[in-house]
Amino acid sequence: MREHREVKSEVLRDRILQLESEHGDLDRLIDRMAESPGTDDLELQRLKKRKLKVKDNILLLQLQLDPDSTKTSDGRA
């Protein structure tokens, strides 16, 4: 049973890292698009919503990993 928990914890940590990477990628893409003239506002809004959903998923996974935690692995809330 303990081994199963360790595997699940490792899977959760890996997924959190993947989502944090995606969140950072979205953040950079949004910044670039916001600075570009003629940017599609609808696409920018979709990316921002996606970024928020990714952040929510990170927080949910962190709560599964550690119910007392609400910070990302890099220390941000």
Protein backbone atom coordinates (compact mmCIF):
# COMPACT_ATOMS: atom_id res chain seq x y z
CA MET A 1 0.00 0.00 0.00
CA ARG A 2 2.82 2.39 0.86
CA GLU A 3 4.50 1.62 -2.46
CA HIS A 4 1.25 2.46 -4.29
CA ARG A 5 1.11 5.84 -2.52
CA GLU A 6 4.71 6.56 -3.48
CA VAL A 7 3.99 5.76 -7.13
CA LYS A 8 0.86 7.92 -7.08
CA SER A 9 2.83 10.77 -5.48
CA GLU A 10 5.49 10.52 -8.16
CA VAL A 11 2.84 10.53 -10.92
CA LEU A 12 1.20 13.60 -9.35
CA ARG A 13 4.54 15.41 -9.08
CA ASP A 14 5.35 14.64 -12.73
CA ARG A 15 1.94 15.89 -13.86
CA ILE A 16 2.32 19.06 -11.78
CA LEU A 17 5.68 19.75 -13.42
CA GLN A 18 4.16 19.22 -16.87
CA LEU A 19 1.32 21.61 -16.10
CA GLU A 20 3.69 24.21 -14.65
CA SER A 21 5.69 24.06 -17.85
CA GLU A 22 2.52 24.47 -19.92
CA HIS A 23 1.47 27.39 -17.70
CA GLY A 24 4.81 29.11 -18.28
CA ASP A 25 4.58 28.50 -22.03
CA LEU A 26 1.08 29.97 -22.11
CA ASP A 27 2.23 32.96 -20.07
CA ARG A 28 5.02 33.73 -22.53
CA LEU A 29 2.75 33.22 -25.54
CA ILE A 30 0.10 35.51 -24.07
CA ASP A 31 2.72 38.20 -23.40
CA ARG A 32 4.03 37.99 -26.98
CA MET A 33 0.54 38.09 -28.46
CA ALA A 34 -0.50 41.02 -26.26
CA GLU A 35 2.47 43.03 -27.56
CA SER A 36 1.79 42.22 -31.22
CA PRO A 37 -0.41 44.54 -33.25
CA GLY A 38 -3.39 42.89 -34.87
CA THR A 39 -3.65 40.11 -32.30
CA ASP A 40 -6.89 38.16 -32.37
CA ASP A 41 -8.58 39.20 -29.11
CA LEU A 42 -10.74 36.09 -29.04
CA GLU A 43 -7.70 33.82 -29.32
CA LEU A 44 -5.95 35.80 -26.59
CA GLN A 45 -8.98 35.38 -24.30
CA ARG A 46 -9.02 31.63 -25.00
CA LEU A 47 -5.35 31.35 -24.10
CA LYS A 48 -5.91 33.27 -20.87
CA LYS A 49 -8.78 30.97 -19.92
CA ARG A 50 -6.63 27.94 -20.73
CA LYS A 51 -3.87 29.34 -18.53
CA LEU A 52 -6.33 29.75 -15.64
CA LYS A 53 -7.59 26.18 -16.09
CA VAL A 54 -4.03 24.87 -16.06
CA LYS A 55 -3.37 26.80 -12.84
CA ASP A 56 -6.53 25.37 -11.28
CA ASN A 57 -5.43 21.86 -12.26
CA ILE A 58 -2.02 22.44 -10.68
CA LEU A 59 -3.64 23.49 -7.42
CA LEU A 60 -6.01 20.52 -7.42
CA LEU A 61 -3.17 18.07 -7.96
CA GLN A 62 -1.11 19.73 -5.25
CA LEU A 63 -4.00 19.32 -2.84
CA GLN A 64 -4.11 15.61 -3.67
CA LEU A 65 -0.39 15.36 -3.08
CA ASP A 66 -0.41 17.42 0.11
CA PRO A 67 -3.80 18.60 1.42
CA ASP A 68 -2.10 21.39 3.40
CA SER A 69 -0.30 22.78 0.33
CA THR A 70 -1.58 25.55 -1.92
CA LYS A 71 1.73 26.60 -3.48
CA THR A 72 3.35 25.44 -6.70
CA SER A 73 6.69 23.66 -6.60
CA ASP A 74 8.45 26.97 -7.35
CA GLY A 75 6.84 28.60 -4.29
CA ARG A 76 4.16 30.65 -6.01
CA ALA A 77 0.59 30.58 -4.79
